[in-house]
């Protein structure tokens, strides 16, 4: 965000920007900006103009996740009948999905940091 964009942004957008660039910001960034605005609902500026082309992908993502949640709930009730289904879904789908989003969000963040030549800083070459 440029200084002009920052000055024009409302408090909500500024708070979200600070969150994304904080120590734990990779997870909410990936969940909101990538999954929410690109994969589930193609409303990001770069996908909005071609939302019809992204619609099959979005439907696939939603359908596949609903099927996976159902499969996890069914497998959980079969393997551990006395445990509640919401806990099965939380542990079998929710937690792994959050961890995936945190790791891939961090990977994307690190991948887009400008290159730093470590050798020139530490080895004086």
N, C-alpha and C. Protein backbone atom coordinates (compact mmCIF):
# COMPACT_ATOMS: atom_id res chain seq x y z
N UNK A 1 0.85 -1.17 0.00
CA UNK A 1 0.00 0.00 0.00
C UNK A 1 0.90 1.24 0.00
N UNK A 2 0.67 2.12 -0.92
CA UNK A 2 1.47 3.34 -0.99
C UNK A 2 1.03 4.31 0.11
N UNK A 3 1.84 5.31 0.40
CA UNK A 3 1.42 6.31 1.40
C UNK A 3 0.09 6.99 1.04
N UNK A 4 -0.12 7.24 -0.23
CA UNK A 4 -1.38 7.85 -0.66
C UNK A 4 -2.56 6.89 -0.44
N UNK A 5 -2.34 5.60 -0.74
CA UNK A 5 -3.39 4.59 -0.50
C UNK A 5 -3.69 4.49 0.99
N UNK A 6 -2.64 4.55 1.81
CA UNK A 6 -2.82 4.48 3.26
C UNK A 6 -3.65 5.66 3.76
N UNK A 7 -3.32 6.85 3.28
CA UNK A 7 -4.05 8.06 3.70
C UNK A 7 -5.51 8.01 3.28
N UNK A 8 -5.79 7.38 2.14
CA UNK A 8 -7.16 7.30 1.64
C UNK A 8 -7.95 6.14 2.23
N UNK A 9 -7.27 5.18 2.86
CA UNK A 9 -7.93 3.98 3.37
C UNK A 9 -8.72 4.29 4.64
N UNK A 10 -9.83 3.57 4.80
CA UNK A 10 -10.62 3.72 6.02
C UNK A 10 -9.94 2.94 7.16
N UNK A 11 -10.35 3.16 8.40
CA UNK A 11 -9.70 2.48 9.54
C UNK A 11 -9.74 0.96 9.44
N UNK A 12 -10.82 0.40 8.91
CA UNK A 12 -10.92 -1.05 8.77
C UNK A 12 -9.85 -1.59 7.83
N UNK A 13 -9.66 -0.94 6.68
CA UNK A 13 -8.66 -1.37 5.70
C UNK A 13 -7.25 -1.23 6.27
N UNK A 14 -7.00 -0.15 7.03
CA UNK A 14 -5.69 0.05 7.65
C UNK A 14 -5.41 -1.05 8.68
N UNK A 15 -6.42 -1.39 9.49
CA UNK A 15 -6.25 -2.44 10.50
C UNK A 15 -5.97 -3.79 9.82
N UNK A 16 -6.69 -4.07 8.74
CA UNK A 16 -6.47 -5.32 8.01
C UNK A 16 -5.07 -5.35 7.40
N UNK A 17 -4.64 -4.23 6.87
CA UNK A 17 -3.29 -4.14 6.30
C UNK A 17 -2.23 -4.40 7.37
N UNK A 18 -2.41 -3.82 8.55
CA UNK A 18 -1.46 -4.05 9.66
C UNK A 18 -1.47 -5.52 10.09
N UNK A 19 -2.66 -6.12 10.14
CA UNK A 19 -2.77 -7.53 10.51
C UNK A 19 -2.01 -8.40 9.51
N UNK A 20 -2.23 -8.17 8.21
CA UNK A 20 -1.57 -8.97 7.18
C UNK A 20 -0.06 -8.90 7.27
N UNK A 21 0.48 -7.77 7.69
CA UNK A 21 1.92 -7.60 7.73
C UNK A 21 2.52 -7.83 9.10
N UNK A 22 1.71 -8.35 10.01
CA UNK A 22 2.18 -8.69 11.34
C UNK A 22 2.78 -10.08 11.38
N UNK A 23 3.26 -10.51 12.55
CA UNK A 23 3.91 -11.82 12.67
C UNK A 23 3.00 -13.00 12.33
N UNK A 24 1.71 -12.87 12.57
CA UNK A 24 0.77 -13.96 12.28
C UNK A 24 -0.14 -13.62 11.11
N UNK A 25 0.25 -12.66 10.29
CA UNK A 25 -0.61 -12.17 9.22
C UNK A 25 -0.74 -13.06 8.01
N UNK A 26 0.16 -14.02 7.84
CA UNK A 26 0.11 -14.88 6.66
C UNK A 26 -1.17 -15.71 6.63
N UNK A 27 -1.62 -16.17 7.79
CA UNK A 27 -2.84 -16.99 7.83
C UNK A 27 -4.08 -16.18 7.45
N UNK A 28 -4.37 -15.06 8.10
CA UNK A 28 -5.56 -14.32 7.68
C UNK A 28 -5.45 -13.79 6.25
N UNK A 29 -4.23 -13.43 5.82
CA UNK A 29 -4.07 -12.97 4.44
C UNK A 29 -4.49 -14.07 3.46
N UNK A 30 -3.97 -15.27 3.66
CA UNK A 30 -4.29 -16.35 2.72
C UNK A 30 -5.76 -16.73 2.79
N UNK A 31 -6.32 -16.78 4.00
CA UNK A 31 -7.73 -17.14 4.14
C UNK A 31 -8.65 -16.12 3.47
N UNK A 32 -8.38 -14.84 3.68
CA UNK A 32 -9.27 -13.80 3.17
C UNK A 32 -8.98 -13.48 1.70
N UNK A 33 -7.73 -13.14 1.41
CA UNK A 33 -7.40 -12.65 0.08
C UNK A 33 -7.32 -13.75 -0.97
N UNK A 34 -6.82 -14.91 -0.61
CA UNK A 34 -6.68 -15.98 -1.60
C UNK A 34 -7.90 -16.88 -1.63
N UNK A 35 -8.25 -17.50 -0.49
CA UNK A 35 -9.39 -18.40 -0.48
C UNK A 35 -10.70 -17.65 -0.63
N UNK A 36 -10.88 -16.62 0.18
CA UNK A 36 -12.16 -15.92 0.15
C UNK A 36 -12.43 -15.17 -1.13
N UNK A 37 -11.46 -14.38 -1.58
CA UNK A 37 -11.69 -13.48 -2.72
C UNK A 37 -11.30 -14.05 -4.08
N UNK A 38 -10.59 -15.16 -4.10
CA UNK A 38 -10.18 -15.73 -5.39
C UNK A 38 -10.69 -17.14 -5.61
N UNK A 39 -10.60 -17.99 -4.60
CA UNK A 39 -10.96 -19.40 -4.80
C UNK A 39 -12.43 -19.69 -4.55
N UNK A 40 -13.03 -19.06 -3.55
CA UNK A 40 -14.43 -19.35 -3.24
C UNK A 40 -15.35 -18.38 -3.99
N UNK A 41 -15.13 -17.09 -3.79
CA UNK A 41 -15.90 -16.07 -4.51
C UNK A 41 -14.93 -15.25 -5.35
N UNK A 42 -15.01 -15.31 -6.65
CA UNK A 42 -14.05 -14.57 -7.48
C UNK A 42 -14.37 -13.07 -7.50
N UNK A 43 -14.09 -12.39 -6.37
CA UNK A 43 -14.41 -10.97 -6.26
C UNK A 43 -13.17 -10.10 -6.15
N UNK A 44 -12.00 -10.69 -6.17
CA UNK A 44 -10.77 -9.89 -6.16
C UNK A 44 -10.71 -9.08 -7.45
N UNK A 45 -10.10 -7.90 -7.43
CA UNK A 45 -10.07 -7.07 -8.64
C UNK A 45 -9.53 -7.80 -9.87
N UNK A 46 -8.53 -8.65 -9.69
CA UNK A 46 -7.96 -9.35 -10.85
C UNK A 46 -8.82 -10.51 -11.35
N UNK A 47 -9.82 -10.93 -10.58
CA UNK A 47 -10.70 -12.02 -11.03
C UNK A 47 -12.13 -11.57 -11.27
N UNK A 48 -12.48 -10.41 -10.78
CA UNK A 48 -13.87 -9.94 -10.85
C UNK A 48 -14.36 -9.80 -12.29
N UNK A 49 -13.51 -9.28 -13.18
CA UNK A 49 -13.95 -9.06 -14.56
C UNK A 49 -14.22 -10.37 -15.30
N UNK A 50 -13.61 -11.45 -14.87
CA UNK A 50 -13.79 -12.75 -15.53
C UNK A 50 -14.41 -13.76 -14.57
N UNK A 51 -15.37 -13.31 -13.78
CA UNK A 51 -15.93 -14.19 -12.75
C UNK A 51 -16.60 -15.41 -13.37
N UNK A 52 -17.14 -15.30 -14.56
CA UNK A 52 -17.78 -16.47 -15.19
C UNK A 52 -16.76 -17.58 -15.49
N UNK A 53 -15.55 -17.18 -15.82
CA UNK A 53 -14.50 -18.18 -16.08
C UNK A 53 -14.05 -18.84 -14.78
N UNK A 54 -14.12 -18.12 -13.68
CA UNK A 54 -13.69 -18.66 -12.39
C UNK A 54 -14.80 -19.42 -11.66
N UNK A 55 -16.02 -19.27 -12.11
CA UNK A 55 -17.15 -19.91 -11.43
C UNK A 55 -17.03 -21.43 -11.34
N UNK A 56 -16.66 -22.15 -12.41
CA UNK A 56 -16.50 -23.61 -12.27
C UNK A 56 -15.46 -23.98 -11.21
N UNK A 57 -14.35 -23.24 -11.16
CA UNK A 57 -13.33 -23.52 -10.15
C UNK A 57 -13.88 -23.28 -8.76
N UNK A 58 -14.61 -22.18 -8.59
CA UNK A 58 -15.19 -21.87 -7.28
C UNK A 58 -16.19 -22.94 -6.86
N UNK A 59 -17.02 -23.36 -7.77
CA UNK A 59 -17.98 -24.42 -7.45
C UNK A 59 -17.27 -25.72 -7.09
N UNK A 60 -16.19 -26.02 -7.80
CA UNK A 60 -15.42 -27.22 -7.48
C UNK A 60 -14.83 -27.12 -6.08
N UNK A 61 -14.25 -25.97 -5.73
CA UNK A 61 -13.63 -25.79 -4.42
C UNK A 61 -14.66 -25.98 -3.32
N UNK A 62 -15.82 -25.34 -3.47
CA UNK A 62 -16.87 -25.45 -2.45
C UNK A 62 -17.39 -26.88 -2.37
N UNK A 63 -17.67 -27.50 -3.51
CA UNK A 63 -18.20 -28.86 -3.53
C UNK A 63 -17.19 -29.86 -2.96
N UNK A 64 -15.93 -29.73 -3.35
CA UNK A 64 -14.90 -30.64 -2.85
C UNK A 64 -14.73 -30.50 -1.34
N UNK A 65 -14.76 -29.28 -0.83
CA UNK A 65 -14.62 -29.10 0.61
C UNK A 65 -15.83 -29.62 1.37
N UNK A 66 -17.02 -29.43 0.84
CA UNK A 66 -18.20 -29.99 1.49
C UNK A 66 -18.16 -31.52 1.49
N UNK A 67 -17.71 -32.10 0.39
CA UNK A 67 -17.57 -33.56 0.32
C UNK A 67 -16.51 -34.04 1.31
N UNK A 68 -15.41 -33.32 1.41
CA UNK A 68 -14.35 -33.70 2.34
C UNK A 68 -14.82 -33.59 3.79
N UNK A 69 -15.56 -32.54 4.10
CA UNK A 69 -16.11 -32.38 5.45
C UNK A 69 -17.05 -33.53 5.77
N UNK A 70 -17.89 -33.90 4.82
CA UNK A 70 -18.82 -35.03 5.02
C UNK A 70 -18.06 -36.33 5.22
N UNK A 71 -17.03 -36.53 4.42
CA UNK A 71 -16.22 -37.75 4.54
C UNK A 71 -15.51 -37.81 5.89
N UNK A 72 -14.97 -36.69 6.33
CA UNK A 72 -14.30 -36.64 7.63
C UNK A 72 -15.28 -36.93 8.76
N UNK A 73 -16.47 -36.34 8.67
CA UNK A 73 -17.49 -36.56 9.71
C UNK A 73 -17.92 -38.04 9.73
N UNK A 74 -18.12 -38.62 8.54
CA UNK A 74 -18.52 -40.03 8.48
C UNK A 74 -17.42 -40.95 8.99
N UNK A 75 -16.18 -40.69 8.58
CA UNK A 75 -15.06 -41.52 9.04
C UNK A 75 -14.86 -41.35 10.54
N UNK A 76 -15.03 -40.14 11.03
CA UNK A 76 -14.86 -39.91 12.47
C UNK A 76 -15.90 -40.63 13.29
N UNK A 77 -17.15 -40.61 12.83
CA UNK A 77 -18.20 -41.31 13.59
C UNK A 77 -18.04 -42.82 13.49
N UNK A 78 -17.44 -43.30 12.42
CA UNK A 78 -17.20 -44.73 12.27
C UNK A 78 -16.02 -45.17 13.15
N UNK A 79 -14.95 -44.37 13.17
CA UNK A 79 -13.75 -44.73 13.93
C UNK A 79 -13.90 -44.46 15.43
N UNK A 80 -14.60 -43.41 15.79
CA UNK A 80 -14.74 -43.00 17.19
C UNK A 80 -16.19 -42.56 17.43
N UNK A 81 -17.13 -43.52 17.57
CA UNK A 81 -18.55 -43.18 17.63
C UNK A 81 -18.94 -42.28 18.81
N UNK A 82 -18.22 -42.34 19.91
CA UNK A 82 -18.62 -41.53 21.07
C UNK A 82 -18.18 -40.07 20.97
N UNK A 83 -17.32 -39.74 20.00
CA UNK A 83 -16.88 -38.35 19.82
C UNK A 83 -17.90 -37.61 18.94
N UNK A 84 -18.09 -36.33 19.21
CA UNK A 84 -19.06 -35.56 18.44
C UNK A 84 -18.53 -35.27 17.04
N UNK A 85 -19.45 -35.12 16.09
CA UNK A 85 -19.07 -34.89 14.69
C UNK A 85 -18.37 -33.55 14.51
N UNK A 86 -18.80 -32.53 15.25
CA UNK A 86 -18.15 -31.22 15.08
C UNK A 86 -16.68 -31.29 15.47
N UNK A 87 -16.34 -32.10 16.48
CA UNK A 87 -14.95 -32.25 16.87
C UNK A 87 -14.17 -33.03 15.80
N UNK A 88 -14.82 -34.04 15.21
CA UNK A 88 -14.19 -34.77 14.11
C UNK A 88 -13.86 -33.83 12.96
N UNK A 89 -14.82 -32.98 12.61
CA UNK A 89 -14.62 -32.04 11.50
C UNK A 89 -13.55 -31.01 11.86
N UNK A 90 -13.59 -30.53 13.09
CA UNK A 90 -12.59 -29.55 13.52
C UNK A 90 -11.18 -30.14 13.45
N UNK A 91 -11.01 -31.36 13.98
CA UNK A 91 -9.68 -31.98 14.02
C UNK A 91 -9.26 -32.60 12.69
N UNK A 92 -10.23 -33.06 11.91
CA UNK A 92 -9.90 -33.75 10.66
C UNK A 92 -9.92 -32.89 9.43
N UNK A 93 -10.62 -31.75 9.47
CA UNK A 93 -10.66 -30.84 8.32
C UNK A 93 -10.24 -29.42 8.70
N UNK A 94 -10.78 -28.88 9.77
CA UNK A 94 -10.53 -27.49 10.13
C UNK A 94 -9.08 -27.20 10.47
N UNK A 95 -8.54 -27.96 11.41
CA UNK A 95 -7.16 -27.73 11.83
C UNK A 95 -6.16 -27.96 10.70
N UNK A 96 -6.25 -29.07 9.96
CA UNK A 96 -5.32 -29.23 8.84
C UNK A 96 -5.48 -28.14 7.78
N UNK A 97 -6.69 -27.69 7.53
CA UNK A 97 -6.89 -26.63 6.55
C UNK A 97 -6.26 -25.33 7.02
N UNK A 98 -6.41 -25.00 8.29
CA UNK A 98 -5.78 -23.79 8.83
C UNK A 98 -4.26 -23.89 8.77
N UNK A 99 -3.71 -25.04 9.08
CA UNK A 99 -2.26 -25.20 9.04
C UNK A 99 -1.75 -25.08 7.60
N UNK A 100 -2.49 -25.66 6.66
CA UNK A 100 -2.11 -25.52 5.25
C UNK A 100 -2.11 -24.05 4.85
N UNK A 101 -3.16 -23.32 5.21
CA UNK A 101 -3.25 -21.91 4.85
C UNK A 101 -2.14 -21.10 5.50
N UNK A 102 -1.79 -21.42 6.74
CA UNK A 102 -0.71 -20.70 7.41
C UNK A 102 0.62 -20.96 6.72
N UNK A 103 0.90 -22.21 6.38
CA UNK A 103 2.18 -22.54 5.75
C UNK A 103 2.26 -21.97 4.34
N UNK A 104 1.22 -22.11 3.54
CA UNK A 104 1.28 -21.60 2.17
C UNK A 104 1.26 -20.08 2.18
N UNK A 105 0.55 -19.46 3.12
CA UNK A 105 0.56 -18.00 3.23
C UNK A 105 1.94 -17.49 3.58
N UNK A 106 2.60 -18.15 4.51
CA UNK A 106 3.97 -17.78 4.89
C UNK A 106 4.92 -17.99 3.71
N UNK A 107 4.75 -19.09 2.99
CA UNK A 107 5.60 -19.38 1.84
C UNK A 107 5.45 -18.30 0.77
N UNK A 108 4.22 -17.90 0.50
CA UNK A 108 3.99 -16.85 -0.49
C UNK A 108 4.62 -15.54 -0.02
N UNK A 109 4.46 -15.22 1.26
CA UNK A 109 5.03 -14.00 1.79
C UNK A 109 6.55 -13.99 1.63
N UNK A 110 7.20 -15.07 2.03
CA UNK A 110 8.66 -15.15 1.94
C UNK A 110 9.11 -15.15 0.48
N UNK A 111 8.36 -15.79 -0.37
CA UNK A 111 8.71 -15.86 -1.78
C UNK A 111 8.70 -14.47 -2.43
N UNK A 112 7.86 -13.58 -1.94
CA UNK A 112 7.74 -12.26 -2.54
C UNK A 112 8.57 -11.19 -1.84
N UNK A 113 9.38 -11.56 -0.88
CA UNK A 113 10.32 -10.61 -0.27
C UNK A 113 11.47 -10.44 -1.25
N UNK A 114 11.91 -9.20 -1.47
CA UNK A 114 13.02 -8.99 -2.42
C UNK A 114 14.26 -9.79 -2.02
N UNK A 115 15.01 -10.18 -3.02
CA UNK A 115 16.20 -11.00 -2.82
C UNK A 115 17.25 -10.24 -2.00
N UNK A 116 17.85 -10.92 -1.05
CA UNK A 116 18.94 -10.37 -0.26
C UNK A 116 20.13 -11.30 -0.45
N UNK A 117 21.25 -10.75 -0.82
CA UNK A 117 22.45 -11.54 -1.03
C UNK A 117 23.13 -11.77 0.32
N UNK A 118 22.94 -12.94 0.90
CA UNK A 118 23.48 -13.25 2.21
C UNK A 118 25.00 -13.27 2.18
N UNK A 119 25.59 -13.77 1.11
CA UNK A 119 27.04 -13.86 1.04
C UNK A 119 27.71 -12.50 1.20
N UNK A 120 27.16 -11.49 0.58
CA UNK A 120 27.81 -10.18 0.66
C UNK A 120 27.70 -9.58 2.05
N UNK A 121 26.72 -9.99 2.83
CA UNK A 121 26.56 -9.46 4.17
C UNK A 121 27.43 -10.17 5.20
N UNK A 122 27.66 -11.43 5.01
CA UNK A 122 28.34 -12.21 6.05
C UNK A 122 29.75 -12.66 5.68
N UNK A 123 30.01 -12.83 4.42
CA UNK A 123 31.31 -13.38 4.02
C UNK A 123 32.26 -12.33 3.47
N UNK A 124 31.78 -11.11 3.29
CA UNK A 124 32.60 -10.02 2.74
C UNK A 124 33.27 -10.41 1.43
N UNK A 125 32.49 -10.99 0.53
CA UNK A 125 33.05 -11.38 -0.78
C UNK A 125 32.73 -10.37 -1.84
